[in-house]
C-alpha atoms as a PDB file:
ATOM      1  CA  MET A   1       9.224 156.399 107.589  1.00  0.00           C
ATOM      2  CA  ASP A   2      13.196 156.462 106.650  1.00  0.00           C
ATOM      3  CA  GLN A   3      15.081 157.218 103.614  1.00  0.00           C
ATOM      4  CA  GLN A   4      15.775 153.967 102.481  1.00  0.00           C
ATOM      5  CA  GLU A   5      11.906 153.169 102.645  1.00  0.00           C
ATOM      6  CA  ILE A   6      11.153 156.059 100.568  1.00  0.00           C
ATOM      7  CA  ILE A   7      13.813 155.347  97.590  1.00  0.00           C
ATOM      8  CA  SER A   8      12.322 151.631  97.578  1.00  0.00           C
ATOM      9  CA  ARG A   9       8.659 152.625  97.521  1.00  0.00           C
ATOM     10  CA  ILE A  10       9.814 154.689  94.639  1.00  0.00           C
ATOM     11  CA  THR A  11      11.468 152.304  92.302  1.00  0.00           C
ATOM     12  CA  ASP A  12       8.856 149.421  93.259  1.00  0.00           C
ATOM     13  CA  PHE A  13       5.968 152.057  91.680  1.00  0.00           C
ATOM     14  CA  MET A  14       8.500 153.481  89.137  1.00  0.00           C
ATOM     15  CA  VAL A  15       9.620 149.814  87.487  1.00  0.00           C
ATOM     16  CA  GLU A  16       6.151 148.737  88.284  1.00  0.00           C
ATOM     17  CA  ASP A  17       4.064 151.154  87.095  1.00  0.00           C
ATOM     18  CA  PHE A  18       6.066 153.105  85.201  1.00  0.00           C
ATOM     19  CA  GLU A  19       7.807 150.135  82.849  1.00  0.00           C
ATOM     20  CA  VAL A  20      11.036 151.740  84.195  1.00  0.00           C
ATOM     21  CA  ASP A  21      14.188 149.656  84.003  1.00  0.00           C
ATOM     22  CA  ALA A  22      16.061 149.962  88.013  1.00  0.00           C
ATOM     23  CA  ASP A  23      19.166 149.157  86.316  1.00  0.00           C
ATOM     24  CA  ALA A  24      17.941 152.923  85.527  1.00  0.00           C
ATOM     25  CA  ILE A  25      16.560 154.439  88.845  1.00  0.00           C
ATOM     26  CA  LYS A  26      19.584 156.426  90.415  1.00  0.00           C
ATOM     27  CA  PRO A  27      19.800 159.691  92.422  1.00  0.00           C
ATOM     28  CA  GLU A  28      21.385 161.393  88.881  1.00  0.00           C
ATOM     29  CA  ALA A  29      18.322 159.990  86.949  1.00  0.00           C
ATOM     30  CA  ASP A  30      16.482 162.792  84.682  1.00  0.00           C
ATOM     31  CA  LEU A  31      12.777 161.998  84.667  1.00  0.00           C
ATOM     32  CA  LYS A  32      12.644 162.660  81.635  1.00  0.00           C
ATOM     33  CA  GLU A  33      15.217 162.124  79.719  1.00  0.00           C
ATOM     34  CA  THR A  34      17.024 159.250  81.111  1.00  0.00           C
ATOM     35  CA  LEU A  35      13.659 157.880  82.274  1.00  0.00           C
ATOM     36  CA  ASP A  36      12.176 158.625  79.282  1.00  0.00           C
ATOM     37  CA  LEU A  37       8.478 160.284  81.138  1.00  0.00           C
ATOM     38  CA  ASP A  38       6.692 162.650  79.514  1.00  0.00           C
ATOM     39  CA  SER A  39       3.892 164.145  80.157  1.00  0.00           C
ATOM     40  CA  LEU A  40       1.164 161.958  80.511  1.00  0.00           C
ATOM     41  CA  ASP A  41       3.126 159.684  82.347  1.00  0.00           C
ATOM     42  CA  TYR A  42       3.833 163.182  84.739  1.00  0.00           C
ATOM     43  CA  ILE A  43       0.106 163.299  85.972  1.00  0.00           C
ATOM     44  CA  ASP A  44       0.341 160.096  86.711  1.00  0.00           C
ATOM     45  CA  LEU A  45       3.717 159.887  89.030  1.00  0.00           C
ATOM     46  CA  VAL A  46       1.413 162.158  91.142  1.00  0.00           C
ATOM     47  CA  VAL A  47      -1.074 160.412  91.620  1.00  0.00           C
ATOM     48  CA  VAL A  48       0.636 156.889  92.751  1.00  0.00           C
ATOM     49  CA  ILE A  49       2.629 159.755  94.730  1.00  0.00           C
ATOM     50  CA  GLU A  50      -0.635 160.786  96.566  1.00  0.00           C
ATOM     51  CA  GLN A  51      -1.344 157.421  96.997  1.00  0.00           C
ATOM     52  CA  ASN A  52       2.071 156.015  98.046  1.00  0.00           C
ATOM     53  CA  PHE A  53       2.177 158.854 100.737  1.00  0.00           C
ATOM     54  CA  GLY A  54      -0.722 160.284 101.759  1.00  0.00           C
ATOM     55  CA  PHE A  55       0.091 163.050 100.715  1.00  0.00           C
ATOM     56  CA  LYS A  56      -1.130 166.015  98.182  1.00  0.00           C
ATOM     57  CA  VAL A  57       1.196 167.168  95.829  1.00  0.00           C
ATOM     58  CA  LYS A  58       1.222 170.453  94.303  1.00  0.00           C
ATOM     59  CA  PRO A  59       1.538 171.005  90.533  1.00  0.00           C
ATOM     60  CA  GLU A  60       3.995 174.313  91.109  1.00  0.00           C
ATOM     61  CA  ASP A  61       6.247 171.296  93.448  1.00  0.00           C
ATOM     62  CA  PHE A  62       6.637 169.323  90.835  1.00  0.00           C
ATOM     63  CA  GLN A  63       7.249 171.271  87.892  1.00  0.00           C
ATOM     64  CA  GLN A  64      10.784 171.850  90.527  1.00  0.00           C
ATOM     65  CA  MET A  65      11.713 167.961  89.901  1.00  0.00           C
ATOM     66  CA  HIS A  66      14.431 166.523  87.331  1.00  0.00           C
ATOM     67  CA  THR A  67      15.807 164.065  88.614  1.00  0.00           C
ATOM     68  CA  ILE A  68      15.791 161.340  90.586  1.00  0.00           C
ATOM     69  CA  GLN A  69      17.217 162.292  93.462  1.00  0.00           C
ATOM     70  CA  ASP A  70      14.133 165.405  93.409  1.00  0.00           C
ATOM     71  CA  LEU A  71      11.781 163.098  93.655  1.00  0.00           C
ATOM     72  CA  TYR A  72      13.010 161.376  97.104  1.00  0.00           C
ATOM     73  CA  ASP A  73      13.842 164.637  97.975  1.00  0.00           C
ATOM     74  CA  TYR A  74       9.998 165.890  98.042  1.00  0.00           C
ATOM     75  CA  VAL A  75       8.572 162.919  99.381  1.00  0.00           C
ATOM     76  CA  SER A  76      11.223 163.283 102.093  1.00  0.00           C
ATOM     77  CA  ASN A  77      10.344 167.080 102.940  1.00  0.00           C
ATOM     78  CA  ARG A  78       7.025 166.932 103.243  1.00  0.00           C
ATOM     79  CA  LEU A  79       7.117 163.530 105.382  1.00  0.00           C
ATOM     80  CA  GLN A  80       8.850 164.753 107.390  1.00  0.00           C
ATOM     81  CA  ALA A  81       6.400 168.303 107.231  1.00  0.00           C
ATOM     82  CA  GLN A  82       4.193 166.905 108.064  1.00  0.00           C
ATOM     83  CA  ILE A  83       5.042 165.054 111.080  1.00  0.00           C
ATOM     84  CA  ASN A  84       6.668 168.366 112.245  1.00  0.00           C
ATOM     85  CA  ALA A  85       2.609 169.855 112.084  1.00  0.00           C
END
């Protein structure tokens, strides 16, 4: 899966599942401040990531994610690690 597919999938579920305005989903968008996600949304987001990309998200990894770009990079790195494993 290439970076554009990752971005597209993340954008799709952010709009569909979290009712985020598609125009607000930019790499620099802050998950809490700009996208208005709360702690319950974060739990749901972990589940949606696991369902869409097929890997488990460690809570400590998710604590490092602050922007949409962090989310893109995390998913990309985890998928790449699966390929290389």
